[in-house]
N, C-alpha and C. Protein backbone atom coordinates (compact mmCIF):
# COMPACT_ATOMS: atom_id res chain seq x y z
N MET A 1 115.54 144.48 103.36
CA MET A 1 115.90 145.64 103.63
C MET A 1 116.85 146.23 104.63
N LEU A 2 118.02 146.49 104.51
CA LEU A 2 118.64 147.18 105.31
C LEU A 2 119.02 148.44 105.98
N TYR A 3 118.66 148.93 105.86
CA TYR A 3 118.49 150.43 106.74
C TYR A 3 116.82 150.88 106.14
N PRO A 4 116.70 151.30 107.71
CA PRO A 4 116.76 151.06 108.94
C PRO A 4 116.49 149.94 109.14
N SER A 5 118.12 149.23 109.99
CA SER A 5 116.98 147.82 111.42
C SER A 5 115.75 147.59 111.43
N ILE A 6 115.51 146.26 111.15
CA ILE A 6 114.09 146.29 111.81
C ILE A 6 113.98 146.51 113.48
N ASP A 7 115.92 146.20 113.74
CA ASP A 7 116.09 146.55 115.44
C ASP A 7 116.16 148.12 116.21
N ALA A 8 116.47 149.12 115.09
CA ALA A 8 115.80 150.13 115.59
C ALA A 8 114.82 150.63 115.01
N LEU A 9 113.48 150.17 114.15
CA LEU A 9 112.29 150.55 114.01
C LEU A 9 112.20 149.85 115.27
N LYS A 10 111.95 148.59 115.70
CA LYS A 10 111.36 148.08 116.82
C LYS A 10 111.13 148.74 118.26
N SER A 11 112.42 149.74 118.60
CA SER A 11 112.31 150.86 119.06
C SER A 11 111.81 151.56 119.24
N LYS A 12 111.89 151.69 118.03
CA LYS A 12 110.44 152.84 117.92
C LYS A 12 109.20 152.62 117.93
N ILE A 13 108.39 151.90 117.43
CA ILE A 13 107.21 151.45 117.63
C ILE A 13 107.23 149.65 118.36
N ASP A 14 105.67 149.69 118.61
CA ASP A 14 106.33 148.55 119.47
C ASP A 14 105.90 147.21 118.95
N SER A 15 105.13 147.74 118.12
CA SER A 15 104.84 145.97 117.70
C SER A 15 105.22 146.05 115.90
N LYS A 16 105.04 145.05 114.98
CA LYS A 16 105.36 145.12 113.99
C LYS A 16 104.68 145.19 112.80
N TYR A 17 102.90 144.99 113.60
CA TYR A 17 102.11 145.04 113.15
C TYR A 17 100.84 146.79 113.24
N SER A 18 101.20 147.53 113.90
CA SER A 18 102.09 148.90 113.98
C SER A 18 102.68 149.42 113.45
N LEU A 19 103.74 148.85 113.07
CA LEU A 19 105.20 149.66 112.45
C LEU A 19 104.33 149.62 111.02
N VAL A 20 103.62 147.89 110.45
CA VAL A 20 103.39 148.31 108.55
C VAL A 20 102.57 148.80 108.76
N SER A 21 101.37 148.85 109.64
CA SER A 21 100.31 149.63 109.70
C SER A 21 100.41 151.45 109.10
N LEU A 22 101.80 152.19 109.93
CA LEU A 22 101.98 153.77 110.59
C LEU A 22 102.66 153.58 109.47
N ALA A 23 103.61 153.04 108.19
CA ALA A 23 104.49 152.89 107.60
C ALA A 23 103.56 153.11 106.43
N SER A 24 102.79 151.91 106.15
CA SER A 24 101.96 152.08 104.99
C SER A 24 100.74 153.72 104.54
N LYS A 25 99.86 153.91 105.64
CA LYS A 25 99.69 154.79 105.74
C LYS A 25 100.68 156.58 105.49
N ARG A 26 101.56 156.70 106.40
CA ARG A 26 102.07 157.33 105.63
C ARG A 26 103.29 157.65 104.70
N ALA A 27 103.48 156.34 103.79
CA ALA A 27 103.61 155.97 102.38
C ALA A 27 102.59 156.71 101.20
N ARG A 28 101.42 155.75 101.86
CA ARG A 28 100.26 157.05 100.77
C ARG A 28 99.95 158.61 100.85
N GLN A 29 99.77 159.08 101.73
CA GLN A 29 100.44 160.84 102.31
C GLN A 29 100.98 161.27 101.21
N MET A 30 102.08 160.60 101.41
CA MET A 30 103.98 161.08 101.04
C MET A 30 103.36 160.60 99.31
N GLN A 31 102.78 160.07 99.11
CA GLN A 31 102.57 159.53 96.94
C GLN A 31 101.49 160.82 96.99
N GLU A 32 100.72 161.10 97.50
CA GLU A 32 99.36 161.55 97.80
C GLU A 32 98.86 163.50 97.61
N GLU A 33 100.86 163.39 98.57
CA GLU A 33 100.33 165.28 98.96
C GLU A 33 102.19 165.96 98.88
N GLY A 34 102.64 164.54 98.83
CA GLY A 34 104.40 164.81 98.55
C GLY A 34 104.94 165.60 100.82
N HIS A 35 104.55 165.47 101.30
CA HIS A 35 105.09 166.55 102.11
C HIS A 35 106.10 165.38 102.67
N GLU A 36 107.01 165.23 102.76
CA GLU A 36 108.94 164.72 103.22
C GLU A 36 108.74 165.94 104.35
N LYS A 37 108.88 164.93 105.83
CA LYS A 37 109.48 165.54 106.58
C LYS A 37 111.28 165.87 107.24
N LEU A 38 111.86 165.07 106.39
CA LEU A 38 113.22 164.27 106.93
C LEU A 38 113.69 165.25 105.47
N SER A 39 114.88 165.83 105.34
CA SER A 39 115.55 166.81 104.23
C SER A 39 116.60 165.77 103.48
N ASN A 40 117.56 164.56 103.90
CA ASN A 40 117.51 164.21 102.94
C ASN A 40 117.17 162.40 103.49
N TYR A 41 116.94 161.32 102.39
CA TYR A 41 116.83 159.95 102.19
C TYR A 41 117.65 159.05 101.79
N VAL A 42 117.77 157.77 101.95
CA VAL A 42 118.83 157.08 101.64
C VAL A 42 117.44 155.90 100.75
N SER A 43 117.14 155.87 100.66
CA SER A 43 116.08 155.13 100.01
C SER A 43 115.03 156.07 98.99
N TYR A 44 115.11 156.19 98.08
CA TYR A 44 113.81 156.25 96.60
C TYR A 44 112.33 155.83 96.59
N LYS A 45 111.47 154.76 97.62
CA LYS A 45 110.20 154.38 97.59
C LYS A 45 110.08 154.75 98.85
N THR A 46 108.94 155.28 98.62
CA THR A 46 108.17 156.04 99.71
C THR A 46 108.10 155.25 101.29
N VAL A 47 107.28 153.93 100.67
CA VAL A 47 107.74 152.93 101.73
C VAL A 47 108.83 152.76 102.98
N GLY A 48 109.98 153.09 102.29
CA GLY A 48 110.53 153.56 102.42
C GLY A 48 111.17 154.36 103.51
N LYS A 49 111.08 155.80 102.77
CA LYS A 49 110.69 157.22 103.28
C LYS A 49 110.62 157.13 104.36
N ALA A 50 109.71 156.66 104.14
CA ALA A 50 108.38 156.51 106.17
C ALA A 50 109.58 156.08 107.20
N LEU A 51 109.80 154.96 107.06
CA LEU A 51 110.35 153.85 107.33
C LEU A 51 111.69 154.57 108.30
N GLU A 52 112.17 155.27 107.09
CA GLU A 52 113.28 155.97 107.47
C GLU A 52 112.98 157.70 108.39
N GLU A 53 111.93 158.08 108.47
CA GLU A 53 111.22 158.84 109.26
C GLU A 53 110.54 157.84 110.24
N ILE A 54 109.79 156.83 110.78
CA ILE A 54 110.46 156.71 111.76
C ILE A 54 111.38 155.78 112.71
N ALA A 55 112.13 155.78 112.03
CA ALA A 55 113.76 155.73 112.88
C ALA A 55 113.86 156.92 113.36
N ALA A 56 113.96 157.64 112.48
CA ALA A 56 114.46 159.43 112.88
C ALA A 56 113.64 159.56 114.41
N GLY A 57 112.83 159.39 113.77
CA GLY A 57 112.00 159.62 115.61
C GLY A 57 111.16 160.60 114.52
N ALA A 58 110.78 161.44 113.15
CA ALA A 58 109.85 162.19 112.81
C ALA A 58 108.79 162.24 112.55
N LEU A 59 108.47 160.14 113.02
CA LEU A 59 107.12 159.77 112.85
C LEU A 59 106.68 159.11 114.03
N THR A 60 105.64 159.62 114.34
CA THR A 60 105.19 158.82 115.71
C THR A 60 103.38 157.65 115.60
N LYS A 61 103.92 157.03 116.62
CA LYS A 61 102.19 155.90 116.53
C LYS A 61 101.71 157.40 117.01
N GLU A 62 100.50 157.78 117.38
CA GLU A 62 98.94 158.77 118.16
C GLU A 62 98.70 157.02 119.18
N LYS A 63 98.29 157.62 120.60
CA LYS A 63 97.35 156.91 120.10
C LYS A 63 95.66 157.26 120.46
N GLN A 64 95.56 156.27 119.83
CA GLN A 64 94.10 155.71 119.18
C GLN A 64 93.05 155.85 120.42
N ASP A 65 91.99 156.68 120.63
CA ASP A 65 90.39 157.26 121.72
C ASP A 65 89.39 156.34 121.13
N ALA A 66 89.02 155.58 121.66
CA ALA A 66 88.13 154.73 121.52
C ALA A 66 86.90 155.37 120.81
N ALA A 67 86.30 156.74 120.71
CA ALA A 67 85.24 157.87 120.33
C ALA A 67 86.05 157.76 118.96
N THR A 68 87.39 157.85 118.49
CA THR A 68 87.63 158.51 117.30
C THR A 68 87.56 157.53 116.45
N ILE A 69 87.05 157.74 115.19
CA ILE A 69 86.66 157.53 114.11
C ILE A 69 87.45 158.03 112.54
N TYR A 70 87.98 157.33 112.00
CA TYR A 70 88.56 157.05 111.08
C TYR A 70 88.62 156.94 109.73
N ASP A 71 88.64 157.84 109.07
CA ASP A 71 88.07 157.75 107.20
C ASP A 71 88.12 156.18 106.59
N ASP A 72 88.89 155.50 106.70
CA ASP A 72 89.15 154.12 106.08
C ASP A 72 88.59 153.11 106.56
N GLU A 73 87.85 153.33 108.65
CA GLU A 73 87.05 152.90 108.79
C GLU A 73 85.68 153.32 108.59
N ILE A 74 85.21 154.36 107.86
CA ILE A 74 83.33 154.04 107.57
C ILE A 74 82.88 152.82 106.62
């Protein structure tokens, strides 16, 4: 993967684990719902598109509250 670079992505998200988790969840959301946040993408695949959204600042990590329960945790 050449674009976006890992350095650019690490400046937006603090850890590689969080980056992978966020990108994979967003890629699945794009596959199921098809809503895109950017007008133009370099990548054709949804994971690449999710990483481009992170690099552009259109997708950020939310702070997780300890009391919040997500669907994939049940």
